[in-house]
Amino acid sequence: MALKPLHDRVLVDRVESEEKTAGGLIIPDSAKEKPAEGIIVAAGEGARKDSGELIPMAVKEGDKVLFGKWSGTEVTVDGKELLIMKESDVLGILS
């Protein structure tokens, strides 16, 4: 089953954070926070103005993005946990 987000929503696969700190300490799973970075897996076509004109998305499939800690709704697609969120929940594109 594939999931195609509608309107201005995006489907994001979280990117796991580093296992070690910069100083070399290993972070146990119980102390890790959910990552706030991810890869756009799928994107809708964009929002529409009141006139019906399409507002194109600023992100596309494959973009590595940063999003808010509490952004999105967790969904399971083909056994994989993903997030679906509005494009406005994306804080920026990482290069």
C-alpha atoms as a PDB file:
ATOM      1  CA  MET A   1       0.000   0.000   0.000  1.00  0.00           C
ATOM      2  CA  ALA A   2       1.398   3.389  -0.970  1.00  0.00           C
ATOM      3  CA  LEU A   3       0.299   6.605   0.680  1.00  0.00           C
ATOM      4  CA  LYS A   4       0.059   9.831  -1.331  1.00  0.00           C
ATOM      5  CA  PRO A   5      -0.381  12.898   0.914  1.00  0.00           C
ATOM      6  CA  LEU A   6      -3.076  15.350  -0.108  1.00  0.00           C
ATOM      7  CA  HIS A   7      -2.842  19.119  -0.535  1.00  0.00           C
ATOM      8  CA  ASP A   8       0.054  20.635   1.460  1.00  0.00           C
ATOM      9  CA  ARG A   9       0.971  17.548   3.481  1.00  0.00           C
ATOM     10  CA  VAL A  10       4.232  15.588   3.392  1.00  0.00           C
ATOM     11  CA  LEU A  11       5.196  12.058   4.427  1.00  0.00           C
ATOM     12  CA  VAL A  12       8.482  12.003   6.374  1.00  0.00           C
ATOM     13  CA  ASP A  13      10.795   9.145   7.346  1.00  0.00           C
ATOM     14  CA  ARG A  14      12.688  10.062  10.529  1.00  0.00           C
ATOM     15  CA  VAL A  15      16.480   9.937  10.426  1.00  0.00           C
ATOM     16  CA  GLU A  16      17.977   8.352  13.529  1.00  0.00           C
ATOM     17  CA  SER A  17      20.315  10.549  15.554  1.00  0.00           C
ATOM     18  CA  GLU A  18      23.909   9.788  16.429  1.00  0.00           C
ATOM     19  CA  GLU A  19      24.658   7.010  18.920  1.00  0.00           C
ATOM     20  CA  LYS A  20      27.504   9.045  20.481  1.00  0.00           C
ATOM     21  CA  THR A  21      27.966  12.603  21.678  1.00  0.00           C
ATOM     22  CA  ALA A  22      30.713  14.832  20.286  1.00  0.00           C
ATOM     23  CA  GLY A  23      32.826  13.857  23.304  1.00  0.00           C
ATOM     24  CA  GLY A  24      32.467  10.144  22.543  1.00  0.00           C
ATOM     25  CA  LEU A  25      29.862   9.196  25.168  1.00  0.00           C
ATOM     26  CA  ILE A  26      27.387   6.544  24.032  1.00  0.00           C
ATOM     27  CA  ILE A  27      23.753   7.591  24.408  1.00  0.00           C
ATOM     28  CA  PRO A  28      21.473   4.777  25.657  1.00  0.00           C
ATOM     29  CA  ASP A  29      18.121   4.240  23.904  1.00  0.00           C
ATOM     30  CA  SER A  30      16.230   5.293  27.046  1.00  0.00           C
ATOM     31  CA  ALA A  31      17.886   8.744  26.963  1.00  0.00           C
ATOM     32  CA  LYS A  32      17.438   9.414  23.237  1.00  0.00           C
ATOM     33  CA  GLU A  33      14.834  11.845  22.044  1.00  0.00           C
ATOM     34  CA  LYS A  34      12.852  11.248  18.893  1.00  0.00           C
ATOM     35  CA  PRO A  35      14.762  12.775  16.002  1.00  0.00           C
ATOM     36  CA  ALA A  36      13.545  16.028  14.509  1.00  0.00           C
ATOM     37  CA  GLU A  37      15.169  15.355  11.142  1.00  0.00           C
ATOM     38  CA  GLY A  38      13.809  13.299   8.311  1.00  0.00           C
ATOM     39  CA  ILE A  39      13.650  12.597   4.604  1.00  0.00           C
ATOM     40  CA  ILE A  40      10.577  13.542   2.562  1.00  0.00           C
ATOM     41  CA  VAL A  41       9.161  10.264   1.212  1.00  0.00           C
ATOM     42  CA  ALA A  42       6.155  11.772  -0.575  1.00  0.00           C
ATOM     43  CA  ALA A  43       4.585  15.204  -0.950  1.00  0.00           C
ATOM     44  CA  GLY A  44       1.151  16.440  -1.939  1.00  0.00           C
ATOM     45  CA  GLU A  45       0.615  18.753  -4.882  1.00  0.00           C
ATOM     46  CA  GLY A  46       0.307  21.894  -2.723  1.00  0.00           C
ATOM     47  CA  ALA A  47      -2.325  24.097  -1.156  1.00  0.00           C
ATOM     48  CA  ARG A  48      -4.846  26.114  -3.141  1.00  0.00           C
ATOM     49  CA  LYS A  49      -5.696  29.796  -2.875  1.00  0.00           C
ATOM     50  CA  ASP A  50      -9.327  30.878  -2.588  1.00  0.00           C
ATOM     51  CA  SER A  51      -9.228  31.522  -6.341  1.00  0.00           C
ATOM     52  CA  GLY A  52      -8.300  27.852  -6.920  1.00  0.00           C
ATOM     53  CA  GLU A  53      -4.738  28.641  -8.000  1.00  0.00           C
ATOM     54  CA  LEU A  54      -2.212  26.019  -6.858  1.00  0.00           C
ATOM     55  CA  ILE A  55       0.536  27.100  -4.441  1.00  0.00           C
ATOM     56  CA  PRO A  56       3.471  24.789  -5.247  1.00  0.00           C
ATOM     57  CA  MET A  57       5.280  22.923  -2.475  1.00  0.00           C
ATOM     58  CA  ALA A  58       8.664  24.247  -1.299  1.00  0.00           C
ATOM     59  CA  VAL A  59       9.837  20.698  -0.471  1.00  0.00           C
ATOM     60  CA  LYS A  60      10.080  17.616  -2.671  1.00  0.00           C
ATOM     61  CA  GLU A  61      10.786  13.902  -2.353  1.00  0.00           C
ATOM     62  CA  GLY A  62      14.299  13.208  -1.135  1.00  0.00           C
ATOM     63  CA  ASP A  63      14.768  16.521   0.723  1.00  0.00           C
ATOM     64  CA  LYS A  64      16.317  16.194   4.197  1.00  0.00           C
ATOM     65  CA  VAL A  65      14.256  18.417   6.490  1.00  0.00           C
ATOM     66  CA  LEU A  66      14.116  19.675  10.050  1.00  0.00           C
ATOM     67  CA  PHE A  67      10.728  19.734  11.793  1.00  0.00           C
ATOM     68  CA  GLY A  68       9.292  20.597  15.195  1.00  0.00           C
ATOM     69  CA  LYS A  69       9.547  18.121  18.066  1.00  0.00           C
ATOM     70  CA  TRP A  70       5.775  17.593  18.300  1.00  0.00           C
ATOM     71  CA  SER A  71       4.992  17.947  14.588  1.00  0.00           C
ATOM     72  CA  GLY A  72       3.003  15.463  12.576  1.00  0.00           C
ATOM     73  CA  THR A  73       1.002  12.324  13.138  1.00  0.00           C
ATOM     74  CA  GLU A  74       2.677   8.924  13.285  1.00  0.00           C
ATOM     75  CA  VAL A  75       1.411   6.439  10.699  1.00  0.00           C
ATOM     76  CA  THR A  76       2.547   2.949   9.704  1.00  0.00           C
ATOM     77  CA  VAL A  77       2.875   2.319   5.965  1.00  0.00           C
ATOM     78  CA  ASP A  78       4.081  -1.090   4.755  1.00  0.00           C
ATOM     79  CA  GLY A  79       5.364  -1.890   8.253  1.00  0.00           C
ATOM     80  CA  LYS A  80       7.436   1.307   8.477  1.00  0.00           C
ATOM     81  CA  GLU A  81       6.704   4.113  10.955  1.00  0.00           C
ATOM     82  CA  LEU A  82       6.446   7.477   9.193  1.00  0.00           C
ATOM     83  CA  LEU A  83       5.146  10.946  10.009  1.00  0.00           C
ATOM     84  CA  ILE A  84       2.540  12.847   8.029  1.00  0.00           C
ATOM     85  CA  MET A  85       2.503  16.604   8.566  1.00  0.00           C
ATOM     86  CA  LYS A  86       1.638  19.895   6.932  1.00  0.00           C
ATOM     87  CA  GLU A  87       4.340  21.597   4.920  1.00  0.00           C
ATOM     88  CA  SER A  88       4.174  24.508   7.389  1.00  0.00           C
ATOM     89  CA  ASP A  89       5.412  22.126  10.144  1.00  0.00           C
ATOM     90  CA  VAL A  90       8.695  21.762   8.248  1.00  0.00           C
ATOM     91  CA  LEU A  91      11.150  24.287   9.672  1.00  0.00           C
ATOM     92  CA  GLY A  92      13.784  24.058   6.955  1.00  0.00           C
ATOM     93  CA  ILE A  93      15.616  21.991   4.360  1.00  0.00           C
ATOM     94  CA  LEU A  94      19.048  20.665   5.370  1.00  0.00           C
ATOM     95  CA  SER A  95      21.804  20.582   2.770  1.00  0.00           C
END
